[in-house]
Amino acid sequence: MEKLDFKTIDSTKVAHKTKHKEQIFSIYLMWVPITRNAKPPSWDKEKLLEGETFYHVHPLYLSQACEENVFEPK
């Protein structure tokens, strides 16, 4: 993404609540200003993970919407 001139604005680290809890990964907020007066976007990190759709076994199976957050901040 950086090769396409996207800039990292913010990031957050998360882990799955039940599976592979030890694996922590980052989610990045990135953007490219298109106009000269463009304002950087913002996000609500708590709302980011609400209603996350996930796959139980394999990506070819139908996804299921979880009633609670699948990931938790680290």
N, C-alpha and C. Protein backbone atom coordinates (compact mmCIF):
# COMPACT_ATOMS: atom_id res chain seq x y z
N MET A 1 0.82 -1.18 0.00
CA MET A 1 0.00 0.00 0.00
C MET A 1 0.87 1.26 0.00
N GLU A 2 1.99 1.19 0.71
CA GLU A 2 2.87 2.36 0.76
C GLU A 2 3.47 2.67 -0.61
N LYS A 3 3.64 1.66 -1.44
CA LYS A 3 4.14 1.89 -2.79
C LYS A 3 3.13 2.68 -3.63
N LEU A 4 1.87 2.63 -3.21
CA LEU A 4 0.82 3.38 -3.89
C LEU A 4 0.57 4.73 -3.23
N ASP A 5 1.49 5.16 -2.38
CA ASP A 5 1.47 6.45 -1.67
C ASP A 5 0.48 6.52 -0.52
N PHE A 6 -0.02 5.38 -0.06
CA PHE A 6 -0.84 5.39 1.15
C PHE A 6 0.04 5.67 2.35
N LYS A 7 -0.47 6.43 3.28
CA LYS A 7 0.25 6.77 4.51
C LYS A 7 -0.49 6.16 5.70
N THR A 8 0.26 5.62 6.65
CA THR A 8 -0.34 5.10 7.86
C THR A 8 -0.66 6.25 8.80
N ILE A 9 -1.92 6.34 9.22
CA ILE A 9 -2.34 7.39 10.13
C ILE A 9 -2.38 6.89 11.56
N ASP A 10 -2.88 5.66 11.73
CA ASP A 10 -3.04 5.09 13.07
C ASP A 10 -3.07 3.58 12.95
N SER A 11 -2.87 2.90 14.06
CA SER A 11 -2.97 1.44 14.07
C SER A 11 -3.43 0.98 15.44
N THR A 12 -3.91 -0.26 15.48
CA THR A 12 -4.32 -0.87 16.74
C THR A 12 -3.95 -2.34 16.69
N LYS A 13 -3.64 -2.90 17.83
CA LYS A 13 -3.29 -4.31 17.91
C LYS A 13 -4.46 -5.07 18.50
N VAL A 14 -4.76 -6.24 17.91
CA VAL A 14 -5.88 -7.06 18.37
C VAL A 14 -5.47 -8.53 18.38
N ALA A 15 -6.27 -9.32 19.09
CA ALA A 15 -6.11 -10.77 19.10
C ALA A 15 -7.50 -11.38 19.13
N HIS A 16 -7.65 -12.58 18.62
CA HIS A 16 -8.93 -13.28 18.63
C HIS A 16 -9.23 -13.68 20.08
N LYS A 17 -10.49 -13.56 20.48
CA LYS A 17 -10.86 -13.83 21.87
C LYS A 17 -10.79 -15.31 22.23
N THR A 18 -11.05 -16.20 21.29
CA THR A 18 -11.10 -17.62 21.63
C THR A 18 -10.08 -18.47 20.90
N LYS A 19 -9.78 -18.15 19.67
CA LYS A 19 -8.84 -18.95 18.88
C LYS A 19 -7.50 -18.22 18.77
N HIS A 20 -6.43 -18.95 18.97
CA HIS A 20 -5.07 -18.41 18.80
C HIS A 20 -4.89 -17.09 19.55
N LYS A 21 -5.23 -17.08 20.81
CA LYS A 21 -5.14 -15.86 21.62
C LYS A 21 -3.74 -15.26 21.64
N GLU A 22 -2.73 -16.10 21.46
CA GLU A 22 -1.35 -15.63 21.54
C GLU A 22 -0.91 -14.88 20.28
N GLN A 23 -1.66 -14.99 19.21
CA GLN A 23 -1.30 -14.31 17.96
C GLN A 23 -1.91 -12.91 17.95
N ILE A 24 -1.06 -11.93 18.07
CA ILE A 24 -1.49 -10.53 18.06
C ILE A 24 -1.14 -9.94 16.70
N PHE A 25 -2.09 -9.23 16.11
CA PHE A 25 -1.81 -8.59 14.83
C PHE A 25 -2.32 -7.16 14.83
N SER A 26 -1.86 -6.40 13.86
CA SER A 26 -2.19 -4.98 13.78
C SER A 26 -3.17 -4.71 12.66
N ILE A 27 -4.05 -3.74 12.90
CA ILE A 27 -4.95 -3.21 11.88
C ILE A 27 -4.55 -1.75 11.69
N TYR A 28 -4.35 -1.35 10.44
CA TYR A 28 -3.87 0.00 10.14
C TYR A 28 -4.94 0.83 9.47
N LEU A 29 -5.00 2.10 9.83
CA LEU A 29 -5.81 3.08 9.12
C LEU A 29 -4.86 3.81 8.18
N MET A 30 -5.13 3.67 6.87
CA MET A 30 -4.25 4.28 5.87
C MET A 30 -5.08 5.13 4.92
N TRP A 31 -4.43 6.10 4.31
CA TRP A 31 -5.14 6.95 3.36
C TRP A 31 -4.19 7.60 2.38
N VAL A 32 -4.78 8.09 1.30
CA VAL A 32 -4.07 8.89 0.30
C VAL A 32 -4.89 10.16 0.11
N PRO A 33 -4.30 11.32 0.39
CA PRO A 33 -5.06 12.56 0.15
C PRO A 33 -5.24 12.77 -1.36
N ILE A 34 -6.47 12.95 -1.77
CA ILE A 34 -6.76 13.12 -3.20
C ILE A 34 -6.77 14.60 -3.58
N THR A 35 -7.23 15.44 -2.67
CA THR A 35 -7.24 16.88 -2.93
C THR A 35 -6.26 17.57 -1.98
N ARG A 36 -5.92 18.77 -2.30
CA ARG A 36 -4.94 19.52 -1.52
C ARG A 36 -5.42 19.80 -0.10
N ASN A 37 -6.71 20.06 0.09
CA ASN A 37 -7.25 20.41 1.41
C ASN A 37 -7.89 19.21 2.12
N ALA A 38 -7.56 18.02 1.71
CA ALA A 38 -8.17 16.82 2.30
C ALA A 38 -7.77 16.68 3.77
N LYS A 39 -8.74 16.29 4.58
CA LYS A 39 -8.48 16.06 6.01
C LYS A 39 -8.32 14.57 6.24
N PRO A 40 -7.36 14.17 7.06
CA PRO A 40 -7.16 12.74 7.33
C PRO A 40 -8.40 12.13 7.99
N PRO A 41 -8.72 10.88 7.65
CA PRO A 41 -9.85 10.21 8.28
C PRO A 41 -9.54 9.85 9.73
N SER A 42 -10.59 9.53 10.46
CA SER A 42 -10.42 9.06 11.84
C SER A 42 -11.28 7.83 12.02
N TRP A 43 -11.07 7.10 13.11
CA TRP A 43 -11.86 5.92 13.40
C TRP A 43 -12.08 5.76 14.88
N ASP A 44 -13.12 5.04 15.20
CA ASP A 44 -13.43 4.69 16.58
C ASP A 44 -12.98 3.25 16.76
N LYS A 45 -11.88 3.05 17.46
CA LYS A 45 -11.29 1.72 17.58
C LYS A 45 -12.22 0.72 18.26
N GLU A 46 -13.07 1.17 19.16
CA GLU A 46 -14.01 0.27 19.82
C GLU A 46 -15.10 -0.19 18.86
N LYS A 47 -15.58 0.71 18.02
CA LYS A 47 -16.62 0.35 17.06
C LYS A 47 -16.06 -0.43 15.88
N LEU A 48 -14.78 -0.35 15.69
CA LEU A 48 -14.14 -1.02 14.56
C LEU A 48 -14.43 -2.51 14.54
N LEU A 49 -14.49 -3.14 15.68
CA LEU A 49 -14.63 -4.59 15.74
C LEU A 49 -16.06 -5.06 16.00
N GLU A 50 -17.00 -4.15 16.11
CA GLU A 50 -18.39 -4.53 16.34
C GLU A 50 -18.96 -5.20 15.10
N GLY A 51 -19.69 -6.28 15.32
CA GLY A 51 -20.36 -6.95 14.22
C GLY A 51 -19.41 -7.60 13.24
N GLU A 52 -18.25 -8.00 13.70
CA GLU A 52 -17.26 -8.62 12.84
C GLU A 52 -17.81 -9.92 12.26
N THR A 53 -17.64 -10.12 10.97
CA THR A 53 -18.05 -11.36 10.32
C THR A 53 -16.83 -12.26 10.22
N PHE A 54 -17.02 -13.55 10.50
CA PHE A 54 -15.87 -14.44 10.53
C PHE A 54 -16.26 -15.81 9.99
N TYR A 55 -15.26 -16.64 9.73
CA TYR A 55 -15.45 -17.99 9.24
C TYR A 55 -14.99 -18.97 10.32
N HIS A 56 -15.84 -19.96 10.62
CA HIS A 56 -15.50 -20.93 11.66
C HIS A 56 -14.37 -21.86 11.24
N VAL A 57 -14.43 -22.41 10.04
CA VAL A 57 -13.49 -23.45 9.66
C VAL A 57 -12.65 -23.06 8.45
N HIS A 58 -13.31 -22.66 7.41
CA HIS A 58 -12.63 -22.42 6.14
C HIS A 58 -13.33 -21.29 5.40
N PRO A 59 -12.59 -20.47 4.67
CA PRO A 59 -13.19 -19.33 3.98
C PRO A 59 -14.27 -19.71 2.96
N LEU A 60 -14.30 -20.97 2.50
CA LEU A 60 -15.32 -21.36 1.53
C LEU A 60 -16.67 -21.62 2.18
N TYR A 61 -16.68 -21.81 3.49
CA TYR A 61 -17.95 -21.98 4.19
C TYR A 61 -18.62 -20.63 4.36
N LEU A 62 -19.92 -20.64 4.57
CA LEU A 62 -20.65 -19.40 4.77
C LEU A 62 -20.20 -18.70 6.03
N SER A 63 -20.12 -17.40 5.97
CA SER A 63 -19.70 -16.63 7.14
C SER A 63 -20.85 -16.52 8.12
N GLN A 64 -20.51 -16.22 9.37
CA GLN A 64 -21.51 -16.03 10.41
C GLN A 64 -21.21 -14.72 11.11
N ALA A 65 -22.25 -13.95 11.37
CA ALA A 65 -22.08 -12.71 12.12
C ALA A 65 -22.09 -13.06 13.60
N CYS A 66 -21.17 -12.52 14.33
CA CYS A 66 -21.05 -12.79 15.75
C CYS A 66 -21.80 -11.71 16.52
N GLU A 67 -22.48 -12.13 17.60
CA GLU A 67 -23.24 -11.16 18.40
C GLU A 67 -22.32 -10.29 19.24
N GLU A 68 -21.16 -10.78 19.56
CA GLU A 68 -20.21 -9.98 20.32
C GLU A 68 -18.93 -9.84 19.52
N ASN A 69 -18.03 -9.01 19.97
CA ASN A 69 -16.78 -8.79 19.25
C ASN A 69 -15.95 -10.06 19.24
N VAL A 70 -15.43 -10.41 18.09
CA VAL A 70 -14.59 -11.59 17.93
C VAL A 70 -13.18 -11.28 18.41
N PHE A 71 -12.74 -10.05 18.21
CA PHE A 71 -11.38 -9.65 18.56
C PHE A 71 -11.41 -8.75 19.79
N GLU A 72 -10.27 -8.70 20.47
CA GLU A 72 -10.13 -7.81 21.61
C GLU A 72 -8.86 -7.01 21.46
N PRO A 73 -8.82 -5.77 21.94
CA PRO A 73 -7.62 -4.93 21.85
C PRO A 73 -6.48 -5.51 22.69
N LYS A 74 -5.28 -5.28 22.26
CA LYS A 74 -4.08 -5.72 22.99
C LYS A 74 -3.17 -4.56 23.22
